[in-house]
PDB file of N, CA and C in Angstrom:
ATOM      1  N   MET A   1      13.807  -9.336  10.977  1.00  0.00           N
ATOM      2  CA  MET A   1      13.997  -8.433   9.159  1.00  0.00           C
ATOM      3  C   MET A   1      12.781  -9.074   8.774  1.00  0.00           C
ATOM      4  N   LYS A   2      12.779 -10.616   7.841  1.00  0.00           N
ATOM      5  CA  LYS A   2      12.372 -10.851   6.910  1.00  0.00           C
ATOM      6  C   LYS A   2      11.063 -10.974   7.272  1.00  0.00           C
ATOM      7  N   ALA A   3      10.454 -10.400   8.314  1.00  0.00           N
ATOM      8  CA  ALA A   3       8.796 -10.034   9.085  1.00  0.00           C
ATOM      9  C   ALA A   3       7.976  -8.658   8.097  1.00  0.00           C
ATOM     10  N   ALA A   4       9.588  -8.043   8.188  1.00  0.00           N
ATOM     11  CA  ALA A   4       9.417  -7.004   7.787  1.00  0.00           C
ATOM     12  C   ALA A   4       9.031  -6.521   6.585  1.00  0.00           C
ATOM     13  N   GLN A   5       9.712  -7.661   5.392  1.00  0.00           N
ATOM     14  CA  GLN A   5       9.726  -6.882   4.236  1.00  0.00           C
ATOM     15  C   GLN A   5       8.376  -8.192   3.319  1.00  0.00           C
ATOM     16  N   GLU A   6       8.746  -9.375   4.222  1.00  0.00           N
ATOM     17  CA  GLU A   6       6.664  -9.674   4.013  1.00  0.00           C
ATOM     18  C   GLU A   6       5.134  -8.109   3.470  1.00  0.00           C
ATOM     19  N   GLY A   7       5.596  -7.916   5.261  1.00  0.00           N
ATOM     20  CA  GLY A   7       5.133  -6.976   5.368  1.00  0.00           C
ATOM     21  C   GLY A   7       4.868  -5.825   3.547  1.00  0.00           C
ATOM     22  N   ASN A   8       6.439  -5.694   3.667  1.00  0.00           N
ATOM     23  CA  ASN A   8       6.467  -4.817   2.959  1.00  0.00           C
ATOM     24  C   ASN A   8       6.521  -5.259   1.732  1.00  0.00           C
ATOM     25  N   HIS A   9       5.889  -5.957   0.818  1.00  0.00           N
ATOM     26  CA  HIS A   9       5.969  -6.675  -0.385  1.00  0.00           C
ATOM     27  C   HIS A   9       3.838  -6.799  -0.215  1.00  0.00           C
ATOM     28  N   ILE A  10       3.754  -7.195   0.502  1.00  0.00           N
ATOM     29  CA  ILE A  10       1.860  -7.070   0.923  1.00  0.00           C
ATOM     30  C   ILE A  10       1.645  -6.110   0.280  1.00  0.00           C
ATOM     31  N   LEU A  11       2.489  -5.150   1.326  1.00  0.00           N
ATOM     32  CA  LEU A  11       2.078  -3.184   1.137  1.00  0.00           C
ATOM     33  C   LEU A  11       1.959  -3.635  -0.691  1.00  0.00           C
ATOM     34  N   CYS A  12       3.458  -3.034  -0.669  1.00  0.00           N
ATOM     35  CA  CYS A  12       3.570  -3.783  -2.564  1.00  0.00           C
ATOM     36  C   CYS A  12       2.499  -3.664  -3.241  1.00  0.00           C
ATOM     37  N   GLY A  13       2.124  -4.966  -3.033  1.00  0.00           N
ATOM     38  CA  GLY A  13       0.820  -5.494  -3.833  1.00  0.00           C
ATOM     39  C   GLY A  13      -0.901  -4.919  -3.679  1.00  0.00           C
ATOM     40  N   LEU A  14      -1.023  -4.117  -2.933  1.00  0.00           N
ATOM     41  CA  LEU A  14      -2.004  -3.186  -1.697  1.00  0.00           C
ATOM     42  C   LEU A  14      -2.126  -2.311  -2.946  1.00  0.00           C
ATOM     43  N   ARG A  15      -0.693  -1.990  -2.699  1.00  0.00           N
ATOM     44  CA  ARG A  15       0.041  -0.120  -3.722  1.00  0.00           C
ATOM     45  C   ARG A  15      -0.722  -0.832  -5.212  1.00  0.00           C
ATOM     46  N   LYS A  16      -0.199  -1.548  -5.584  1.00  0.00           N
ATOM     47  CA  LYS A  16      -0.763  -1.640  -6.957  1.00  0.00           C
ATOM     48  C   LYS A  16      -1.857  -1.892  -7.796  1.00  0.00           C
ATOM     49  N   LYS A  17      -2.815  -2.156  -6.658  1.00  0.00           N
ATOM     50  CA  LYS A  17      -4.165  -2.996  -6.450  1.00  0.00           C
ATOM     51  C   LYS A  17      -5.192  -2.083  -6.434  1.00  0.00           C
ATOM     52  N   ALA A  18      -4.562  -1.003  -6.219  1.00  0.00           N
ATOM     53  CA  ALA A  18      -4.988  -0.206  -5.588  1.00  0.00           C
ATOM     54  C   ALA A  18      -5.266   1.311  -6.694  1.00  0.00           C
ATOM     55  N   LEU A  19      -3.523   1.501  -7.081  1.00  0.00           N
ATOM     56  CA  LEU A  19      -3.308   2.498  -8.265  1.00  0.00           C
ATOM     57  C   LEU A  19      -4.492   1.604  -9.452  1.00  0.00           C
ATOM     58  N   ARG A  20      -4.428   0.248  -9.430  1.00  0.00           N
ATOM     59  CA  ARG A  20      -4.988  -0.643 -11.062  1.00  0.00           C
ATOM     60  C   ARG A  20      -6.670  -0.148 -10.497  1.00  0.00           C
ATOM     61  N   PHE A  21      -6.580  -0.457  -9.451  1.00  0.00           N
ATOM     62  CA  PHE A  21      -9.334  -0.586  -9.469  1.00  0.00           C
ATOM     63  C   PHE A  21      -9.355   1.105  -8.927  1.00  0.00           C
ATOM     64  N   PRO A  22     -10.547   1.724  -8.844  1.00  0.00           N
ATOM     65  CA  PRO A  22     -10.579   2.777  -8.999  1.00  0.00           C
ATOM     66  C   PRO A  22     -11.790   2.616  -7.585  1.00  0.00           C
ATOM     67  N   THR A  23     -12.009   1.368  -6.976  1.00  0.00           N
ATOM     68  CA  THR A  23     -11.928   0.561  -5.461  1.00  0.00           C
ATOM     69  C   THR A  23     -11.489   1.035  -4.928  1.00  0.00           C
ATOM     70  N   ALA A  24     -10.536   2.060  -4.959  1.00  0.00           N
ATOM     71  CA  ALA A  24      -9.980   2.645  -3.975  1.00  0.00           C
ATOM     72  C   ALA A  24     -10.054   3.536  -3.332  1.00  0.00           C
ATOM     73  N   SER A  25     -10.606   4.523  -4.341  1.00  0.00           N
ATOM     74  CA  SER A  25     -11.309   5.930  -3.930  1.00  0.00           C
ATOM     75  C   SER A  25     -12.612   5.523  -2.742  1.00  0.00           C
ATOM     76  N   ALA A  26     -13.585   4.501  -3.245  1.00  0.00           N
ATOM     77  CA  ALA A  26     -14.502   4.262  -3.345  1.00  0.00           C
ATOM     78  C   ALA A  26     -13.896   3.504  -1.450  1.00  0.00           C
ATOM     79  N   ILE A  27     -13.267   3.115  -0.976  1.00  0.00           N
ATOM     80  CA  ILE A  27     -12.919   2.101   0.338  1.00  0.00           C
ATOM     81  C   ILE A  27     -12.291   3.563   0.857  1.00  0.00           C
ATOM     82  N   SER A  28     -12.196   4.605   0.202  1.00  0.00           N
ATOM     83  CA  SER A  28     -11.400   5.794   1.107  1.00  0.00           C
ATOM     84  C   SER A  28     -12.607   6.503   2.064  1.00  0.00           C
ATOM     85  N   THR A  29     -13.095   6.630   0.748  1.00  0.00           N
ATOM     86  CA  THR A  29     -14.656   7.447   1.400  1.00  0.00           C
ATOM     87  C   THR A  29     -15.341   6.451   2.545  1.00  0.00           C
ATOM     88  N   ILE A  30     -15.303   4.893   2.749  1.00  0.00           N
ATOM     89  CA  ILE A  30     -15.824   4.187   3.395  1.00  0.00           C
ATOM     90  C   ILE A  30     -15.069   4.687   5.240  1.00  0.00           C
ATOM     91  N   CYS A  31     -13.036   4.245   4.517  1.00  0.00           N
ATOM     92  CA  CYS A  31     -13.342   4.373   6.000  1.00  0.00           C
ATOM     93  C   CYS A  31     -11.304   5.763   5.670  1.00  0.00           C
ATOM     94  N   PRO A  32     -11.645   7.291   5.618  1.00  0.00           N
ATOM     95  CA  PRO A  32     -10.607   7.429   5.050  1.00  0.00           C
ATOM     96  C   PRO A  32      -9.358   7.311   6.416  1.00  0.00           C
ATOM     97  N   SER A  33      -9.736   7.897   7.197  1.00  0.00           N
ATOM     98  CA  SER A  33      -8.585   7.533   8.097  1.00  0.00           C
ATOM     99  C   SER A  33      -7.296   6.142   7.976  1.00  0.00           C
ATOM    100  N   ASP A  34      -8.288   4.932   8.086  1.00  0.00           N
ATOM    101  CA  ASP A  34      -7.254   3.681   7.574  1.00  0.00           C
ATOM    102  C   ASP A  34      -6.869   3.667   5.921  1.00  0.00           C
ATOM    103  N   TYR A  35      -7.340   4.274   5.345  1.00  0.00           N
ATOM    104  CA  TYR A  35      -6.929   4.250   3.415  1.00  0.00           C
ATOM    105  C   TYR A  35      -5.750   5.240   3.490  1.00  0.00           C
ATOM    106  N   LEU A  36      -5.869   6.176   4.411  1.00  0.00           N
ATOM    107  CA  LEU A  36      -5.422   7.706   4.539  1.00  0.00           C
ATOM    108  C   LEU A  36      -3.782   7.025   5.039  1.00  0.00           C
ATOM    109  N   GLN A  37      -3.741   5.884   6.500  1.00  0.00           N
ATOM    110  CA  GLN A  37      -2.541   5.293   6.626  1.00  0.00           C
ATOM    111  C   GLN A  37      -1.900   4.178   5.996  1.00  0.00           C
ATOM    112  N   LEU A  38      -2.753   3.934   5.600  1.00  0.00           N
ATOM    113  CA  LEU A  38      -2.337   2.220   4.513  1.00  0.00           C
ATOM    114  C   LEU A  38      -1.717   3.526   3.631  1.00  0.00           C
ATOM    115  N   THR A  39      -2.537   4.443   2.915  1.00  0.00           N
ATOM    116  CA  THR A  39      -1.178   4.876   1.712  1.00  0.00           C
ATOM    117  C   THR A  39      -0.043   4.872   1.901  1.00  0.00           C
ATOM    118  N   GLN A  40      -0.600   5.867   2.692  1.00  0.00           N
ATOM    119  CA  GLN A  40       0.901   6.827   3.805  1.00  0.00           C
ATOM    120  C   GLN A  40       2.121   5.919   4.434  1.00  0.00           C
ATOM    121  N   THR A  41       1.703   4.373   4.063  1.00  0.00           N
ATOM    122  CA  THR A  41       2.612   3.456   5.161  1.00  0.00           C
ATOM    123  C   THR A  41       3.509   3.261   3.520  1.00  0.00           C
ATOM    124  N   ALA A  42       2.206   2.358   2.433  1.00  0.00           N
ATOM    125  CA  ALA A  42       2.611   2.673   1.037  1.00  0.00           C
ATOM    126  C   ALA A  42       3.419   2.789   0.060  1.00  0.00           C
ATOM    127  N   ASN A  43       3.449   4.431   0.631  1.00  0.00           N
ATOM    128  CA  ASN A  43       4.041   5.582   0.276  1.00  0.00           C
ATOM    129  C   ASN A  43       5.699   5.537  -0.050  1.00  0.00           C
ATOM    130  N   THR A  44       5.575   5.473   1.911  1.00  0.00           N
ATOM    131  CA  THR A  44       7.271   5.329   2.463  1.00  0.00           C
ATOM    132  C   THR A  44       8.159   4.682   2.494  1.00  0.00           C
ATOM    133  N   ILE A  45       6.859   3.180   1.714  1.00  0.00           N
ATOM    134  CA  ILE A  45       7.752   1.751   1.855  1.00  0.00           C
ATOM    135  C   ILE A  45       8.271   1.749   0.112  1.00  0.00           C
ATOM    136  N   SER A  46       7.715   2.410  -0.891  1.00  0.00           N
ATOM    137  CA  SER A  46       7.662   2.464  -2.038  1.00  0.00           C
ATOM    138  C   SER A  46       9.097   2.975  -2.856  1.00  0.00           C
ATOM    139  N   GLY A  47       9.488   3.489  -2.001  1.00  0.00           N
ATOM    140  CA  GLY A  47      11.136   2.814  -2.368  1.00  0.00           C
ATOM    141  C   GLY A  47      12.074   1.541  -2.228  1.00  0.00           C
ATOM    142  N   GLY A  48      11.914   0.772  -1.312  1.00  0.00           N
ATOM    143  CA  GLY A  48      12.292  -0.999  -1.666  1.00  0.00           C
ATOM    144  C   GLY A  48      11.036  -1.357  -2.424  1.00  0.00           C
ATOM    145  N   CYS A  49       9.719  -1.359  -2.719  1.00  0.00           N
ATOM    146  CA  CYS A  49       9.053  -1.849  -4.007  1.00  0.00           C
ATOM    147  C   CYS A  49       9.978  -2.362  -5.095  1.00  0.00           C
ATOM    148  N   ALA A  50      10.249  -0.320  -4.877  1.00  0.00           N
ATOM    149  CA  ALA A  50      11.307  -0.150  -6.511  1.00  0.00           C
ATOM    150  C   ALA A  50      12.039  -1.093  -6.811  1.00  0.00           C
ATOM    151  N   ARG A  51      12.830  -1.350  -5.290  1.00  0.00           N
ATOM    152  CA  ARG A  51      14.155  -2.089  -5.031  1.00  0.00           C
ATOM    153  C   ARG A  51      14.348  -3.684  -5.372  1.00  0.00           C
ATOM    154  N   GLN A  52      12.838  -4.189  -5.280  1.00  0.00           N
ATOM    155  CA  GLN A  52      12.227  -5.405  -4.482  1.00  0.00           C
ATOM    156  C   GLN A  52      12.516  -6.641  -6.616  1.00  0.00           C
ATOM    157  N   GLU A  53      11.907  -5.597  -7.171  1.00  0.00           N
ATOM    158  CA  GLU A  53      10.913  -5.718  -8.132  1.00  0.00           C
ATOM    159  C   GLU A  53      12.449  -6.284  -9.600  1.00  0.00           C
TER     160      GLU A  53
END
């Protein structure tokens, strides 16, 4: 369970950075499937992010 929480925390941080920096759009053009999967995962756990902060 702790590993899952740490994973959520990492993804929360990535999601915040993606929102803050326009490089996220550049990443999506380089590797769209990986970026899409990461974004979907981050969106899925974003409710958990809000509770942790």
